[in-house]
Amino acid sequence: MKDLAPEIFRQRLLIEGRYGRDVGEPEVRAYLTGLAAHLGLRAYGEPTVHSPGGQGKPGNQGYDAFLPLVDSGIALYVWTAARFFSVVVFTCKPFTPAAAVEFTRRFFAVAGEPEFASF
């Protein structure tokens, strides 16, 4: 990927996996705020959580959530029927990807290791 703005520091991390615990709106909120705190990232608002509530395909039901950060944001997507999650951390402040992956693995009780890509 060509860096179109080398003067702007950006770090991105995608983590995906199958979770092994119950996940509802309280857990979605706790994950977002917990991950930000764990990485030393500052939120400037509360998590916004949406659930389509029966709209769309049954297999796509779950949660779409976002936590605004002073240095960008964290987006989380949860498919409850498949017990699958996908999280994107996008920041203008450096963080340790391994710390985010380990926090996520523990929080969601992921069997094995979650998949991730960092750039």
C-alpha atoms as a PDB file:
ATOM      1  CA  MET A   1       0.000   0.000   0.000  1.00  0.00           C
ATOM      2  CA  LYS A   2       1.443   3.348  -1.003  1.00  0.00           C
ATOM      3  CA  ASP A   3       1.764   5.847   1.863  1.00  0.00           C
ATOM      4  CA  LEU A   4      -0.143   8.867   0.562  1.00  0.00           C
ATOM      5  CA  ALA A   5       0.515  11.002   3.668  1.00  0.00           C
ATOM      6  CA  PRO A   6       3.940  10.132   5.105  1.00  0.00           C
ATOM      7  CA  GLU A   7       3.835  13.232   7.306  1.00  0.00           C
ATOM      8  CA  ILE A   8       0.858  11.774   9.252  1.00  0.00           C
ATOM      9  CA  PHE A   9       1.604   8.885  11.597  1.00  0.00           C
ATOM     10  CA  ARG A  10      -1.041   6.177  11.319  1.00  0.00           C
ATOM     11  CA  GLN A  11      -1.155   2.695  12.792  1.00  0.00           C
ATOM     12  CA  ARG A  12      -3.823   0.160  11.893  1.00  0.00           C
ATOM     13  CA  LEU A  13      -4.604  -3.265  13.298  1.00  0.00           C
ATOM     14  CA  LEU A  14      -7.255  -5.763  12.216  1.00  0.00           C
ATOM     15  CA  ILE A  15      -8.056  -8.654  14.588  1.00  0.00           C
ATOM     16  CA  GLU A  16     -10.574 -11.419  13.827  1.00  0.00           C
ATOM     17  CA  GLY A  17     -11.603 -14.560  15.618  1.00  0.00           C
ATOM     18  CA  ARG A  18     -14.328 -16.800  16.985  1.00  0.00           C
ATOM     19  CA  TYR A  19     -15.320 -15.990  20.533  1.00  0.00           C
ATOM     20  CA  GLY A  20     -16.042 -18.434  23.321  1.00  0.00           C
ATOM     21  CA  ARG A  21     -18.030 -16.316  25.778  1.00  0.00           C
ATOM     22  CA  ASP A  22     -21.450 -14.699  25.793  1.00  0.00           C
ATOM     23  CA  VAL A  23     -21.370 -11.310  24.069  1.00  0.00           C
ATOM     24  CA  GLY A  24     -24.090  -8.686  24.360  1.00  0.00           C
ATOM     25  CA  GLU A  25     -24.131  -4.908  24.394  1.00  0.00           C
ATOM     26  CA  PRO A  26     -22.512  -4.608  27.868  1.00  0.00           C
ATOM     27  CA  GLU A  27     -19.599  -6.792  26.758  1.00  0.00           C
ATOM     28  CA  VAL A  28     -19.191  -4.805  23.527  1.00  0.00           C
ATOM     29  CA  ARG A  29     -18.943  -1.584  25.544  1.00  0.00           C
ATOM     30  CA  ALA A  30     -16.575  -3.158  28.087  1.00  0.00           C
ATOM     31  CA  TYR A  31     -14.298  -4.484  25.350  1.00  0.00           C
ATOM     32  CA  LEU A  32     -13.954  -1.145  23.572  1.00  0.00           C
ATOM     33  CA  THR A  33     -13.244   0.870  26.709  1.00  0.00           C
ATOM     34  CA  GLY A  34     -11.016  -1.872  28.135  1.00  0.00           C
ATOM     35  CA  LEU A  35      -8.923  -2.172  24.973  1.00  0.00           C
ATOM     36  CA  ALA A  36      -8.431   1.590  24.770  1.00  0.00           C
ATOM     37  CA  ALA A  37      -7.334   1.735  28.429  1.00  0.00           C
ATOM     38  CA  HIS A  38      -5.062  -1.293  27.992  1.00  0.00           C
ATOM     39  CA  LEU A  39      -3.288   0.384  25.051  1.00  0.00           C
ATOM     40  CA  GLY A  40      -3.071   3.808  26.727  1.00  0.00           C
ATOM     41  CA  LEU A  41      -5.430   5.386  24.172  1.00  0.00           C
ATOM     42  CA  ARG A  42      -7.781   8.172  25.291  1.00  0.00           C
ATOM     43  CA  ALA A  43     -11.485   8.060  24.465  1.00  0.00           C
ATOM     44  CA  TYR A  44     -13.377  11.334  24.157  1.00  0.00           C
ATOM     45  CA  GLY A  45     -16.833   9.817  24.237  1.00  0.00           C
ATOM     46  CA  GLU A  46     -18.722   6.680  25.120  1.00  0.00           C
ATOM     47  CA  PRO A  47     -18.945   3.702  22.765  1.00  0.00           C
ATOM     48  CA  THR A  48     -21.706   3.888  20.183  1.00  0.00           C
ATOM     49  CA  VAL A  49     -23.335   0.462  19.782  1.00  0.00           C
ATOM     50  CA  HIS A  50     -25.861  -0.530  17.132  1.00  0.00           C
ATOM     51  CA  SER A  51     -27.727  -3.797  16.659  1.00  0.00           C
ATOM     52  CA  PRO A  52     -29.875  -4.284  13.548  1.00  0.00           C
ATOM     53  CA  GLY A  53     -32.648  -5.916  15.590  1.00  0.00           C
ATOM     54  CA  GLY A  54     -33.947  -8.326  12.966  1.00  0.00           C
ATOM     55  CA  GLN A  55     -33.207  -6.180   9.925  1.00  0.00           C
ATOM     56  CA  GLY A  56     -31.176  -7.898   7.235  1.00  0.00           C
ATOM     57  CA  LYS A  57     -30.009 -11.493   7.071  1.00  0.00           C
ATOM     58  CA  PRO A  58     -30.288 -13.562  10.279  1.00  0.00           C
ATOM     59  CA  GLY A  59     -26.665 -14.683   9.935  1.00  0.00           C
ATOM     60  CA  ASN A  60     -25.488 -11.068   9.991  1.00  0.00           C
ATOM     61  CA  GLN A  61     -27.221 -10.151  13.274  1.00  0.00           C
ATOM     62  CA  GLY A  62     -25.016  -8.873  16.054  1.00  0.00           C
ATOM     63  CA  TYR A  63     -23.375  -5.576  16.916  1.00  0.00           C
ATOM     64  CA  ASP A  64     -21.609  -2.732  15.144  1.00  0.00           C
ATOM     65  CA  ALA A  65     -19.775  -0.462  17.548  1.00  0.00           C
ATOM     66  CA  PHE A  66     -17.311   2.419  17.589  1.00  0.00           C
ATOM     67  CA  LEU A  67     -15.271   4.156  20.274  1.00  0.00           C
ATOM     68  CA  PRO A  68     -13.963   7.612  19.337  1.00  0.00           C
ATOM     69  CA  LEU A  69     -10.401   8.230  20.443  1.00  0.00           C
ATOM     70  CA  VAL A  70      -8.502  11.475  20.759  1.00  0.00           C
ATOM     71  CA  ASP A  71      -6.068   9.792  18.379  1.00  0.00           C
ATOM     72  CA  SER A  72      -8.707   8.211  16.003  1.00  0.00           C
ATOM     73  CA  GLY A  73     -10.942   5.228  16.879  1.00  0.00           C
ATOM     74  CA  ILE A  74     -11.753   1.556  17.413  1.00  0.00           C
ATOM     75  CA  ALA A  75     -14.494  -0.222  15.441  1.00  0.00           C
ATOM     76  CA  LEU A  76     -15.911  -3.604  16.487  1.00  0.00           C
ATOM     77  CA  TYR A  77     -18.230  -5.886  14.531  1.00  0.00           C
ATOM     78  CA  VAL A  78     -19.819  -8.967  16.131  1.00  0.00           C
ATOM     79  CA  TRP A  79     -21.800 -11.721  14.367  1.00  0.00           C
ATOM     80  CA  THR A  80     -23.657 -13.446  17.211  1.00  0.00           C
ATOM     81  CA  ALA A  81     -24.916 -16.516  15.324  1.00  0.00           C
ATOM     82  CA  ALA A  82     -21.432 -17.319  14.025  1.00  0.00           C
ATOM     83  CA  ARG A  83     -19.748 -16.247  17.313  1.00  0.00           C
ATOM     84  CA  PHE A  84     -17.320 -14.229  15.194  1.00  0.00           C
ATOM     85  CA  PHE A  85     -15.808 -10.769  15.724  1.00  0.00           C
ATOM     86  CA  SER A  86     -13.733  -8.337  13.708  1.00  0.00           C
ATOM     87  CA  VAL A  87     -12.058  -5.299  15.271  1.00  0.00           C
ATOM     88  CA  VAL A  88     -10.172  -2.443  13.616  1.00  0.00           C
ATOM     89  CA  VAL A  89      -7.915  -0.179  15.651  1.00  0.00           C
ATOM     90  CA  PHE A  90      -6.898   2.977  13.779  1.00  0.00           C
ATOM     91  CA  THR A  91      -4.703   5.463  15.606  1.00  0.00           C
ATOM     92  CA  CYS A  92      -2.357   8.364  15.083  1.00  0.00           C
ATOM     93  CA  LYS A  93      -0.548   7.286  18.268  1.00  0.00           C
ATOM     94  CA  PRO A  94       1.757   4.261  18.426  1.00  0.00           C
ATOM     95  CA  PHE A  95       0.614   1.165  20.316  1.00  0.00           C
ATOM     96  CA  THR A  96       1.838  -2.417  20.658  1.00  0.00           C
ATOM     97  CA  PRO A  97      -0.176  -4.724  18.373  1.00  0.00           C
ATOM     98  CA  ALA A  98       0.726  -7.821  20.419  1.00  0.00           C
ATOM     99  CA  ALA A  99      -0.826  -6.204  23.513  1.00  0.00           C
ATOM    100  CA  ALA A 100      -4.070  -5.559  21.613  1.00  0.00           C
ATOM    101  CA  VAL A 101      -4.169  -9.100  20.241  1.00  0.00           C
ATOM    102  CA  GLU A 102      -3.560 -10.659  23.672  1.00  0.00           C
ATOM    103  CA  PHE A 103      -6.175  -8.452  25.371  1.00  0.00           C
ATOM    104  CA  THR A 104      -8.668  -9.389  22.661  1.00  0.00           C
ATOM    105  CA  ARG A 105      -7.861 -13.108  22.897  1.00  0.00           C
ATOM    106  CA  ARG A 106      -8.425 -13.089  26.660  1.00  0.00           C
ATOM    107  CA  PHE A 107     -11.504 -10.849  26.614  1.00  0.00           C
ATOM    108  CA  PHE A 108     -13.360 -12.869  23.981  1.00  0.00           C
ATOM    109  CA  ALA A 109     -12.068 -16.256  25.212  1.00  0.00           C
ATOM    110  CA  VAL A 110     -10.766 -17.033  21.731  1.00  0.00           C
ATOM    111  CA  ALA A 111      -9.812 -20.681  21.304  1.00  0.00           C
ATOM    112  CA  GLY A 112      -6.294 -20.658  19.901  1.00  0.00           C
ATOM    113  CA  GLU A 113      -4.952 -17.460  18.421  1.00  0.00           C
ATOM    114  CA  PRO A 114      -6.994 -14.791  16.663  1.00  0.00           C
ATOM    115  CA  GLU A 115      -5.929 -13.782  13.167  1.00  0.00           C
ATOM    116  CA  PHE A 116      -4.504 -10.286  12.796  1.00  0.00           C
ATOM    117  CA  ALA A 117      -2.790  -7.924  10.385  1.00  0.00           C
ATOM    118  CA  SER A 118      -0.950  -4.782  11.426  1.00  0.00           C
ATOM    119  CA  PHE A 119       0.304  -1.947   9.278  1.00  0.00           C
END
